[in-house]
Amino acid sequence: MTHRTTFALDEATAQRLKRLAARWKVSQAEVVRRSVEQAENLKKAEVPDPAAILQALFASGGGLDLEKGNAYIAEVYEDRKHWRGE
């Protein structure tokens, strides 16, 4: 073992970790090692590209119209000024 690490988990995650360790018949540390390895090996293509999703949305005609979009941006701008006390 090269590194000993301590971290806090919520109850649901801790229970999932214990169930996986029992199902796989390995230690909880091994479950974490395998999970980190699997997450790291995910192909970038499998991770959704936000820009591509937006392009597809607008290409399909399912996006906001310009007037509604501009109104929303103006509302957010005013809200942020209010939050800052301006």
Protein backbone atom coordinates (compact mmCIF):
# COMPACT_ATOMS: atom_id res chain seq x y z
CA MET A 1 0.00 0.00 0.00
CA THR A 2 1.47 3.36 -0.95
CA HIS A 3 -1.11 5.89 0.29
CA ARG A 4 -3.52 5.86 3.18
CA THR A 5 -6.42 8.27 2.66
CA THR A 6 -9.33 9.33 4.82
CA PHE A 7 -12.50 10.86 3.41
CA ALA A 8 -16.10 11.35 4.50
CA LEU A 9 -19.06 9.78 2.70
CA ASP A 10 -22.76 10.36 3.12
CA GLU A 11 -24.68 7.39 4.52
CA ALA A 12 -26.12 6.27 1.17
CA THR A 13 -22.70 6.23 -0.51
CA ALA A 14 -21.12 4.39 2.40
CA GLN A 15 -23.82 1.72 2.17
CA ARG A 16 -23.35 1.38 -1.59
CA LEU A 17 -19.61 0.98 -1.07
CA LYS A 18 -20.19 -1.77 1.51
CA ARG A 19 -22.71 -3.58 -0.73
CA LEU A 20 -20.35 -3.50 -3.70
CA ALA A 21 -17.46 -4.78 -1.59
CA ALA A 22 -19.62 -7.68 -0.39
CA ARG A 23 -20.94 -8.44 -3.89
CA TRP A 24 -17.48 -8.35 -5.46
CA LYS A 25 -15.89 -10.08 -2.44
CA VAL A 26 -13.17 -7.45 -2.18
CA SER A 27 -12.24 -4.70 0.26
CA GLN A 28 -13.87 -1.29 0.20
CA ALA A 29 -10.51 0.13 -0.88
CA GLU A 30 -10.53 -2.21 -3.89
CA VAL A 31 -14.02 -1.00 -4.82
CA VAL A 32 -12.71 2.57 -4.77
CA ARG A 33 -9.63 1.62 -6.82
CA ARG A 34 -11.73 -0.15 -9.45
CA SER A 35 -14.26 2.67 -9.59
CA VAL A 36 -11.59 5.34 -10.02
CA GLU A 37 -9.92 3.29 -12.75
CA GLN A 38 -13.21 2.79 -14.58
CA ALA A 39 -14.11 6.48 -14.34
CA GLU A 40 -10.69 7.47 -15.66
CA ASN A 41 -10.95 5.04 -18.58
CA LEU A 42 -14.25 6.41 -19.83
CA LYS A 43 -13.82 7.57 -23.36
CA LYS A 44 -14.23 11.27 -23.85
CA ALA A 45 -16.78 10.52 -26.56
CA GLU A 46 -19.03 8.92 -23.93
CA VAL A 47 -19.10 12.14 -21.93
CA PRO A 48 -21.73 14.53 -23.32
CA ASP A 49 -20.30 17.61 -25.04
CA PRO A 50 -22.40 20.59 -23.87
CA ALA A 51 -21.65 22.60 -27.02
CA ALA A 52 -22.75 19.72 -29.26
CA ILE A 53 -25.94 19.30 -27.24
CA LEU A 54 -26.76 22.99 -27.64
CA GLN A 55 -26.01 22.88 -31.36
CA ALA A 56 -28.32 19.90 -31.80
CA LEU A 57 -31.05 21.63 -29.77
CA PHE A 58 -30.93 24.77 -31.88
CA ALA A 59 -30.64 22.83 -35.13
CA SER A 60 -33.84 20.97 -34.23
CA GLY A 61 -35.67 24.23 -33.61
CA GLY A 62 -36.18 23.36 -29.95
CA GLY A 63 -34.30 26.33 -28.51
CA LEU A 64 -35.58 29.56 -27.04
CA ASP A 65 -36.50 32.29 -29.43
CA LEU A 66 -34.23 35.34 -29.41
CA GLU A 67 -36.71 37.61 -27.60
CA LYS A 68 -37.23 35.14 -24.72
CA GLY A 69 -33.48 34.51 -24.46
CA ASN A 70 -32.68 38.22 -24.28
CA ALA A 71 -35.42 38.77 -21.67
CA TYR A 72 -33.98 35.97 -19.54
CA ILE A 73 -30.45 37.37 -19.76
CA ALA A 74 -31.72 40.83 -18.77
CA GLU A 75 -33.57 39.34 -15.78
CA VAL A 76 -30.48 37.48 -14.59
CA TYR A 77 -28.38 40.63 -15.00
CA GLU A 78 -30.82 42.67 -12.88
CA ASP A 79 -31.02 39.94 -10.23
CA ARG A 80 -27.24 39.80 -9.94
CA LYS A 81 -27.08 43.57 -9.51
CA HIS A 82 -29.70 43.31 -6.75
CA TRP A 83 -27.78 40.49 -4.99
CA ARG A 84 -24.63 42.59 -5.03
CA GLY A 85 -26.51 45.54 -3.56
CA GLU A 86 -25.98 47.75 -6.61
